[in-house]
Amino acid sequence: MAYYVYKIFAPKRLEYVDEFEAYRDAKTFTRGMRKQLAAEDECTVRMIFASSKEQAERLLTEIREARPLGEDA
C-alpha cells in the first residue's frame, strides 16, 4: 500500500501527481504543493492511502454520505 497525491479539479477530474511509501514524505510533499497553489487555481491537492492507483482514484471519486449529526467518531 502506498500514499498517492492527486490534484482534484471541479467535476471530479483527477490528475495524478506522485506516489510515496512513507506517510511523512507524502504529507510534506502535499503540504508544499498546497502552499504553491495560487488563489486562481481551481483545484485542491489530496493525499490518499490505497493499495493501487486505481483504488485511490475510485476512493477519491466516490460520493460519501455525510455523518449523522450528533454522532461521535
N, C-alpha and C. Protein backbone atom coordinates (compact mmCIF):
# COMPACT_ATOMS: atom_id res chain seq x y z
N MET A 1 0.85 -1.17 0.00
CA MET A 1 0.00 0.00 0.00
C MET A 1 0.90 1.24 0.00
N ALA A 2 0.39 2.29 -0.63
CA ALA A 2 1.18 3.50 -0.78
C ALA A 2 0.29 4.73 -0.60
N TYR A 3 0.93 5.88 -0.52
CA TYR A 3 0.23 7.15 -0.42
C TYR A 3 0.30 7.81 -1.79
N TYR A 4 -0.87 8.14 -2.34
CA TYR A 4 -0.96 8.76 -3.65
C TYR A 4 -1.39 10.21 -3.50
N VAL A 5 -0.79 11.08 -4.30
CA VAL A 5 -1.12 12.51 -4.27
C VAL A 5 -1.76 12.86 -5.60
N TYR A 6 -2.91 13.56 -5.52
CA TYR A 6 -3.67 13.95 -6.70
C TYR A 6 -4.07 15.41 -6.62
N LYS A 7 -4.17 16.03 -7.79
CA LYS A 7 -4.85 17.32 -7.92
C LYS A 7 -6.27 16.99 -8.34
N ILE A 8 -7.24 17.63 -7.68
CA ILE A 8 -8.65 17.37 -7.98
C ILE A 8 -9.26 18.66 -8.53
N PHE A 9 -9.83 18.56 -9.73
CA PHE A 9 -10.47 19.69 -10.39
C PHE A 9 -11.99 19.55 -10.32
N ALA A 10 -12.71 20.59 -10.69
CA ALA A 10 -14.15 20.74 -10.49
C ALA A 10 -15.01 19.49 -10.69
N PRO A 11 -15.24 19.00 -11.88
CA PRO A 11 -16.20 17.88 -11.97
C PRO A 11 -15.54 16.52 -11.69
N LYS A 12 -14.87 16.40 -10.55
CA LYS A 12 -14.23 15.14 -10.13
C LYS A 12 -13.18 14.66 -11.13
N ARG A 13 -12.47 15.59 -11.77
CA ARG A 13 -11.38 15.23 -12.67
C ARG A 13 -10.11 15.15 -11.85
N LEU A 14 -9.42 14.04 -11.95
CA LEU A 14 -8.21 13.80 -11.16
C LEU A 14 -6.97 13.91 -12.02
N GLU A 15 -5.91 14.44 -11.41
CA GLU A 15 -4.61 14.50 -12.08
C GLU A 15 -3.58 13.90 -11.12
N TYR A 16 -3.05 12.74 -11.51
CA TYR A 16 -2.05 12.05 -10.69
C TYR A 16 -0.80 12.90 -10.60
N VAL A 17 -0.25 13.01 -9.37
CA VAL A 17 0.96 13.82 -9.17
C VAL A 17 2.14 12.93 -8.79
N ASP A 18 2.00 12.15 -7.71
CA ASP A 18 3.13 11.35 -7.25
C ASP A 18 2.66 10.25 -6.29
N GLU A 19 3.57 9.36 -5.94
CA GLU A 19 3.31 8.22 -5.06
C GLU A 19 4.45 8.11 -4.05
N PHE A 20 4.09 7.81 -2.79
CA PHE A 20 5.09 7.71 -1.73
C PHE A 20 4.84 6.47 -0.90
N GLU A 21 5.90 5.89 -0.38
CA GLU A 21 5.79 4.74 0.52
C GLU A 21 5.65 5.18 1.97
N ALA A 22 6.26 6.31 2.32
CA ALA A 22 6.26 6.79 3.70
C ALA A 22 5.26 7.92 3.87
N TYR A 23 4.49 7.87 4.95
CA TYR A 23 3.48 8.89 5.24
C TYR A 23 4.11 10.28 5.38
N ARG A 24 5.18 10.37 6.12
CA ARG A 24 5.81 11.67 6.38
C ARG A 24 6.24 12.35 5.07
N ASP A 25 6.81 11.58 4.14
CA ASP A 25 7.22 12.16 2.86
C ASP A 25 6.01 12.64 2.07
N ALA A 26 4.95 11.85 2.06
CA ALA A 26 3.73 12.22 1.33
C ALA A 26 3.10 13.46 1.94
N LYS A 27 3.05 13.54 3.26
CA LYS A 27 2.45 14.69 3.94
C LYS A 27 3.23 15.96 3.64
N THR A 28 4.55 15.89 3.71
CA THR A 28 5.39 17.06 3.44
C THR A 28 5.21 17.53 2.00
N PHE A 29 5.19 16.61 1.07
CA PHE A 29 5.03 16.94 -0.34
C PHE A 29 3.66 17.58 -0.59
N THR A 30 2.61 17.00 -0.01
CA THR A 30 1.25 17.51 -0.19
C THR A 30 1.11 18.91 0.37
N ARG A 31 1.64 19.15 1.56
CA ARG A 31 1.57 20.48 2.16
C ARG A 31 2.33 21.51 1.32
N GLY A 32 3.47 21.11 0.78
CA GLY A 32 4.24 22.01 -0.09
C GLY A 32 3.48 22.37 -1.35
N MET A 33 2.80 21.39 -1.93
CA MET A 33 2.00 21.67 -3.13
C MET A 33 0.84 22.59 -2.82
N ARG A 34 0.20 22.41 -1.67
CA ARG A 34 -0.92 23.27 -1.28
C ARG A 34 -0.47 24.71 -1.11
N LYS A 35 0.73 24.91 -0.57
CA LYS A 35 1.26 26.27 -0.38
C LYS A 35 1.55 26.94 -1.72
N GLN A 36 1.90 26.15 -2.74
CA GLN A 36 2.23 26.69 -4.06
C GLN A 36 1.00 27.07 -4.87
N LEU A 37 -0.19 26.57 -4.48
CA LEU A 37 -1.40 26.88 -5.22
C LEU A 37 -1.73 28.36 -5.12
N ALA A 38 -2.05 28.96 -6.24
CA ALA A 38 -2.46 30.36 -6.25
C ALA A 38 -3.97 30.44 -6.02
N ALA A 39 -4.45 31.62 -5.66
CA ALA A 39 -5.88 31.79 -5.38
C ALA A 39 -6.73 31.48 -6.61
N GLU A 40 -6.20 31.75 -7.80
CA GLU A 40 -6.98 31.49 -9.02
C GLU A 40 -6.94 30.03 -9.47
N ASP A 41 -6.11 29.22 -8.86
CA ASP A 41 -6.09 27.79 -9.18
C ASP A 41 -7.40 27.16 -8.74
N GLU A 42 -7.99 26.41 -9.63
CA GLU A 42 -9.29 25.81 -9.35
C GLU A 42 -9.14 24.32 -9.06
N CYS A 43 -8.23 24.00 -8.18
CA CYS A 43 -8.05 22.60 -7.81
C CYS A 43 -7.67 22.50 -6.35
N THR A 44 -7.79 21.30 -5.82
CA THR A 44 -7.31 21.01 -4.48
C THR A 44 -6.29 19.89 -4.59
N VAL A 45 -5.47 19.76 -3.58
CA VAL A 45 -4.46 18.69 -3.55
C VAL A 45 -4.82 17.74 -2.42
N ARG A 46 -4.94 16.46 -2.75
CA ARG A 46 -5.31 15.47 -1.75
C ARG A 46 -4.33 14.31 -1.76
N MET A 47 -4.14 13.74 -0.58
CA MET A 47 -3.31 12.55 -0.42
C MET A 47 -4.24 11.44 0.05
N ILE A 48 -4.04 10.23 -0.49
CA ILE A 48 -4.88 9.11 -0.09
C ILE A 48 -4.05 7.85 0.01
N PHE A 49 -4.39 7.01 0.97
CA PHE A 49 -3.70 5.74 1.20
C PHE A 49 -4.51 4.64 0.52
N ALA A 50 -3.88 3.92 -0.40
CA ALA A 50 -4.59 2.88 -1.16
C ALA A 50 -3.61 1.81 -1.61
N SER A 51 -4.18 0.68 -2.01
CA SER A 51 -3.34 -0.44 -2.45
C SER A 51 -2.87 -0.28 -3.90
N SER A 52 -3.58 0.52 -4.69
CA SER A 52 -3.18 0.75 -6.07
C SER A 52 -3.66 2.12 -6.53
N LYS A 53 -3.14 2.54 -7.67
CA LYS A 53 -3.53 3.83 -8.23
C LYS A 53 -5.02 3.81 -8.59
N GLU A 54 -5.50 2.70 -9.11
CA GLU A 54 -6.91 2.57 -9.49
C GLU A 54 -7.82 2.68 -8.26
N GLN A 55 -7.44 2.03 -7.16
CA GLN A 55 -8.24 2.12 -5.94
C GLN A 55 -8.24 3.55 -5.40
N ALA A 56 -7.11 4.22 -5.46
CA ALA A 56 -7.02 5.61 -4.99
C ALA A 56 -7.97 6.50 -5.78
N GLU A 57 -8.00 6.33 -7.10
CA GLU A 57 -8.88 7.14 -7.94
C GLU A 57 -10.34 6.82 -7.66
N ARG A 58 -10.65 5.56 -7.42
CA ARG A 58 -12.03 5.17 -7.10
C ARG A 58 -12.47 5.79 -5.77
N LEU A 59 -11.59 5.74 -4.77
CA LEU A 59 -11.92 6.31 -3.47
C LEU A 59 -12.10 7.83 -3.53
N LEU A 60 -11.31 8.50 -4.34
CA LEU A 60 -11.40 9.95 -4.45
C LEU A 60 -12.64 10.41 -5.20
N THR A 61 -13.18 9.58 -6.08
CA THR A 61 -14.34 9.99 -6.87
C THR A 61 -15.67 9.48 -6.33
N GLU A 62 -15.65 8.59 -5.36
CA GLU A 62 -16.93 8.08 -4.86
C GLU A 62 -17.62 9.13 -4.00
N ILE A 63 -18.94 9.10 -4.03
CA ILE A 63 -19.75 10.04 -3.25
C ILE A 63 -19.97 9.44 -1.87
N ARG A 64 -19.62 10.21 -0.85
CA ARG A 64 -19.74 9.73 0.52
C ARG A 64 -20.90 10.43 1.20
N GLU A 65 -21.63 9.68 2.01
CA GLU A 65 -22.72 10.27 2.77
C GLU A 65 -22.16 11.01 3.97
N ALA A 66 -22.84 12.11 4.31
CA ALA A 66 -22.43 12.86 5.50
C ALA A 66 -22.77 12.08 6.74
N ARG A 67 -21.94 12.23 7.77
CA ARG A 67 -22.23 11.56 9.04
C ARG A 67 -23.45 12.17 9.69
N PRO A 68 -24.27 11.39 10.37
CA PRO A 68 -25.44 11.95 11.05
C PRO A 68 -25.00 12.95 12.13
N LEU A 69 -25.79 13.99 12.32
CA LEU A 69 -25.47 14.98 13.34
C LEU A 69 -25.53 14.37 14.73
N GLY A 70 -24.62 14.77 15.56
CA GLY A 70 -24.60 14.30 16.93
C GLY A 70 -23.88 12.98 17.14
N GLU A 71 -23.42 12.38 16.08
CA GLU A 71 -22.71 11.10 16.22
C GLU A 71 -21.23 11.37 16.45
N ASP A 72 -20.68 10.78 17.48
CA ASP A 72 -19.26 10.92 17.76
C ASP A 72 -18.48 9.96 16.89
N ALA A 73 -17.20 10.27 16.71
CA ALA A 73 -16.33 9.45 15.88
C ALA A 73 -16.34 8.06 16.41
